[in-house]
Amino acid sequence: MPLTHHPLVKQFPEYKEKIHELKTTNSHFANLMKKYEELDKHVFRIESDEEPTGDEYLRGLKKQRLQITDELFSLIKGV
């Protein structure tokens, strides 16, 4: 399976406009997006062997990314 980044708009394409709107109008959402994108890039570098590390560390990063994804999705849905 090829390695790929996980941009939020790729995961939730039906909310593309809402994501853009929140990024530009909600500083909390924008900060979370920045953290999400940084984590996603970090995970990608590790998975592509650009940045070797242990499996447990990688699992922790993926868990953080998932937690941020959940929080971002809640904000998108207005929950």
N, C-alpha and C. Protein backbone atom coordinates (compact mmCIF):
# COMPACT_ATOMS: atom_id res chain seq x y z
N MET A 1 0.85 -1.18 0.00
CA MET A 1 0.00 0.00 0.00
C MET A 1 0.89 1.24 0.00
N PRO A 2 0.67 2.15 -0.96
CA PRO A 2 1.52 3.35 -1.02
C PRO A 2 1.27 4.28 0.17
N LEU A 3 2.34 4.92 0.59
CA LEU A 3 2.23 5.87 1.70
C LEU A 3 1.59 7.15 1.18
N THR A 4 0.81 7.77 2.02
CA THR A 4 0.16 9.01 1.62
C THR A 4 -0.10 9.88 2.84
N HIS A 5 -0.19 11.17 2.58
CA HIS A 5 -0.60 12.08 3.64
C HIS A 5 -2.10 11.93 3.84
N HIS A 6 -2.59 12.41 4.96
CA HIS A 6 -4.01 12.32 5.28
C HIS A 6 -4.61 13.71 5.50
N PRO A 7 -4.63 14.55 4.46
CA PRO A 7 -5.23 15.87 4.67
C PRO A 7 -6.70 15.75 5.07
N LEU A 8 -7.11 16.63 5.92
CA LEU A 8 -8.47 16.58 6.45
C LEU A 8 -9.51 16.66 5.33
N VAL A 9 -9.27 17.49 4.34
CA VAL A 9 -10.25 17.61 3.25
C VAL A 9 -10.33 16.33 2.42
N LYS A 10 -9.29 15.52 2.45
CA LYS A 10 -9.33 14.24 1.76
C LYS A 10 -10.16 13.23 2.57
N GLN A 11 -10.09 13.34 3.87
CA GLN A 11 -10.86 12.45 4.74
C GLN A 11 -12.33 12.82 4.76
N PHE A 12 -12.61 14.11 4.67
CA PHE A 12 -13.99 14.60 4.74
C PHE A 12 -14.27 15.54 3.56
N PRO A 13 -14.25 15.03 2.33
CA PRO A 13 -14.40 15.91 1.16
C PRO A 13 -15.75 16.63 1.13
N GLU A 14 -16.76 16.04 1.74
CA GLU A 14 -18.07 16.67 1.75
C GLU A 14 -18.10 17.93 2.62
N TYR A 15 -17.07 18.14 3.43
CA TYR A 15 -16.99 19.32 4.31
C TYR A 15 -15.88 20.28 3.88
N LYS A 16 -15.46 20.20 2.64
CA LYS A 16 -14.34 21.02 2.16
C LYS A 16 -14.59 22.51 2.41
N GLU A 17 -15.76 23.00 2.05
CA GLU A 17 -16.08 24.42 2.22
C GLU A 17 -16.12 24.79 3.71
N LYS A 18 -16.72 23.93 4.52
CA LYS A 18 -16.82 24.18 5.96
C LYS A 18 -15.43 24.22 6.59
N ILE A 19 -14.55 23.31 6.17
CA ILE A 19 -13.18 23.28 6.70
C ILE A 19 -12.48 24.59 6.35
N HIS A 20 -12.60 25.02 5.11
CA HIS A 20 -11.97 26.28 4.70
C HIS A 20 -12.53 27.46 5.51
N GLU A 21 -13.84 27.49 5.66
CA GLU A 21 -14.48 28.56 6.43
C GLU A 21 -13.95 28.60 7.87
N LEU A 22 -13.92 27.44 8.51
CA LEU A 22 -13.46 27.38 9.90
C LEU A 22 -11.99 27.75 10.03
N LYS A 23 -11.17 27.34 9.06
CA LYS A 23 -9.74 27.70 9.10
C LYS A 23 -9.54 29.20 9.06
N THR A 24 -10.43 29.90 8.37
CA THR A 24 -10.25 31.34 8.22
C THR A 24 -10.99 32.16 9.27
N THR A 25 -11.95 31.55 9.98
CA THR A 25 -12.76 32.33 10.93
C THR A 25 -12.63 31.88 12.38
N ASN A 26 -12.05 30.71 12.62
CA ASN A 26 -12.00 30.15 13.97
C ASN A 26 -10.54 29.84 14.32
N SER A 27 -9.96 30.65 15.19
CA SER A 27 -8.53 30.48 15.51
C SER A 27 -8.24 29.15 16.19
N HIS A 28 -9.17 28.67 17.02
CA HIS A 28 -8.96 27.36 17.66
C HIS A 28 -8.91 26.26 16.60
N PHE A 29 -9.83 26.29 15.66
CA PHE A 29 -9.85 25.32 14.56
C PHE A 29 -8.55 25.42 13.75
N ALA A 30 -8.15 26.64 13.42
CA ALA A 30 -6.93 26.86 12.63
C ALA A 30 -5.70 26.31 13.35
N ASN A 31 -5.62 26.52 14.67
CA ASN A 31 -4.49 25.99 15.44
C ASN A 31 -4.50 24.46 15.47
N LEU A 32 -5.68 23.88 15.64
CA LEU A 32 -5.79 22.42 15.61
C LEU A 32 -5.40 21.87 14.24
N MET A 33 -5.81 22.55 13.19
CA MET A 33 -5.46 22.12 11.83
C MET A 33 -3.94 22.15 11.65
N LYS A 34 -3.31 23.18 12.17
CA LYS A 34 -1.85 23.28 12.05
C LYS A 34 -1.19 22.12 12.77
N LYS A 35 -1.65 21.81 13.99
CA LYS A 35 -1.10 20.67 14.74
C LYS A 35 -1.34 19.37 13.99
N TYR A 36 -2.56 19.22 13.44
CA TYR A 36 -2.89 18.02 12.69
C TYR A 36 -1.95 17.85 11.50
N GLU A 37 -1.76 18.92 10.74
CA GLU A 37 -0.91 18.85 9.55
C GLU A 37 0.54 18.56 9.91
N GLU A 38 1.03 19.13 11.00
CA GLU A 38 2.40 18.85 11.45
C GLU A 38 2.54 17.39 11.84
N LEU A 39 1.57 16.87 12.59
CA LEU A 39 1.61 15.45 12.98
C LEU A 39 1.54 14.55 11.75
N ASP A 40 0.68 14.90 10.81
CA ASP A 40 0.53 14.09 9.60
C ASP A 40 1.84 14.04 8.82
N LYS A 41 2.51 15.17 8.69
CA LYS A 41 3.80 15.21 7.99
C LYS A 41 4.84 14.40 8.74
N HIS A 42 4.84 14.48 10.06
CA HIS A 42 5.79 13.73 10.88
C HIS A 42 5.56 12.22 10.70
N VAL A 43 4.30 11.80 10.77
CA VAL A 43 3.97 10.38 10.58
C VAL A 43 4.40 9.93 9.19
N PHE A 44 4.16 10.74 8.18
CA PHE A 44 4.54 10.38 6.82
C PHE A 44 6.06 10.20 6.70
N ARG A 45 6.82 11.12 7.30
CA ARG A 45 8.29 11.01 7.25
C ARG A 45 8.76 9.72 7.91
N ILE A 46 8.15 9.36 9.02
CA ILE A 46 8.53 8.13 9.72
C ILE A 46 8.16 6.91 8.88
N GLU A 47 6.94 6.89 8.35
CA GLU A 47 6.49 5.74 7.57
C GLU A 47 7.27 5.58 6.27
N SER A 48 7.81 6.66 5.74
CA SER A 48 8.58 6.58 4.50
C SER A 48 10.07 6.40 4.78
N ASP A 49 10.41 6.12 6.04
CA ASP A 49 11.79 5.87 6.48
C ASP A 49 12.73 7.06 6.33
N GLU A 50 12.17 8.25 6.19
CA GLU A 50 12.99 9.46 6.19
C GLU A 50 13.46 9.78 7.60
N GLU A 51 12.67 9.33 8.58
CA GLU A 51 12.94 9.65 9.99
C GLU A 51 12.69 8.38 10.81
N PRO A 52 13.70 7.52 10.90
CA PRO A 52 13.51 6.26 11.63
C PRO A 52 13.23 6.49 13.12
N THR A 53 12.34 5.66 13.65
CA THR A 53 12.01 5.72 15.07
C THR A 53 11.32 4.42 15.47
N GLY A 54 10.97 4.28 16.72
CA GLY A 54 10.33 3.07 17.20
C GLY A 54 8.84 3.02 16.89
N ASP A 55 8.32 1.80 16.86
CA ASP A 55 6.90 1.59 16.57
C ASP A 55 6.00 2.24 17.61
N GLU A 56 6.40 2.16 18.86
CA GLU A 56 5.56 2.73 19.93
C GLU A 56 5.44 4.25 19.77
N TYR A 57 6.52 4.89 19.41
CA TYR A 57 6.50 6.34 19.19
C TYR A 57 5.56 6.68 18.04
N LEU A 58 5.64 5.92 16.95
CA LEU A 58 4.78 6.12 15.80
C LEU A 58 3.31 5.92 16.17
N ARG A 59 3.03 4.88 16.94
CA ARG A 59 1.65 4.65 17.39
C ARG A 59 1.13 5.82 18.20
N GLY A 60 1.99 6.38 19.05
CA GLY A 60 1.60 7.55 19.84
C GLY A 60 1.27 8.75 18.98
N LEU A 61 2.07 8.97 17.94
CA LEU A 61 1.79 10.08 17.02
C LEU A 61 0.47 9.86 16.29
N LYS A 62 0.23 8.64 15.85
CA LYS A 62 -1.02 8.35 15.16
C LYS A 62 -2.22 8.52 16.08
N LYS A 63 -2.04 8.16 17.34
CA LYS A 63 -3.12 8.33 18.32
C LYS A 63 -3.42 9.83 18.51
N GLN A 64 -2.36 10.64 18.61
CA GLN A 64 -2.55 12.09 18.74
C GLN A 64 -3.27 12.64 17.51
N ARG A 65 -2.84 12.18 16.33
CA ARG A 65 -3.47 12.65 15.09
C ARG A 65 -4.95 12.30 15.07
N LEU A 66 -5.28 11.10 15.51
CA LEU A 66 -6.68 10.66 15.55
C LEU A 66 -7.50 11.49 16.54
N GLN A 67 -6.92 11.79 17.70
CA GLN A 67 -7.62 12.62 18.69
C GLN A 67 -7.90 14.01 18.13
N ILE A 68 -6.93 14.58 17.43
CA ILE A 68 -7.13 15.90 16.83
C ILE A 68 -8.17 15.81 15.72
N THR A 69 -8.13 14.73 14.94
CA THR A 69 -9.14 14.54 13.89
C THR A 69 -10.53 14.52 14.48
N ASP A 70 -10.70 13.80 15.58
CA ASP A 70 -12.00 13.73 16.24
C ASP A 70 -12.45 15.11 16.71
N GLU A 71 -11.54 15.88 17.28
CA GLU A 71 -11.89 17.21 17.76
C GLU A 71 -12.24 18.14 16.60
N LEU A 72 -11.46 18.06 15.51
CA LEU A 72 -11.75 18.87 14.33
C LEU A 72 -13.10 18.50 13.75
N PHE A 73 -13.39 17.21 13.67
CA PHE A 73 -14.68 16.78 13.12
C PHE A 73 -15.84 17.27 13.97
N SER A 74 -15.65 17.26 15.28
CA SER A 74 -16.70 17.79 16.17
C SER A 74 -16.96 19.27 15.88
N LEU A 75 -15.89 20.01 15.65
CA LEU A 75 -16.04 21.43 15.34
C LEU A 75 -16.71 21.62 13.98
N ILE A 76 -16.36 20.78 13.02
CA ILE A 76 -16.98 20.86 11.70
C ILE A 76 -18.48 20.61 11.80
N LYS A 77 -18.84 19.60 12.58
CA LYS A 77 -20.25 19.22 12.73
C LYS A 77 -21.00 20.18 13.67
N GLY A 78 -20.27 21.06 14.35
CA GLY A 78 -20.91 21.99 15.26
C GLY A 78 -21.37 21.36 16.55
N VAL A 79 -20.70 20.28 16.95
CA VAL A 79 -21.08 19.54 18.18
C VAL A 79 -20.46 20.22 19.38
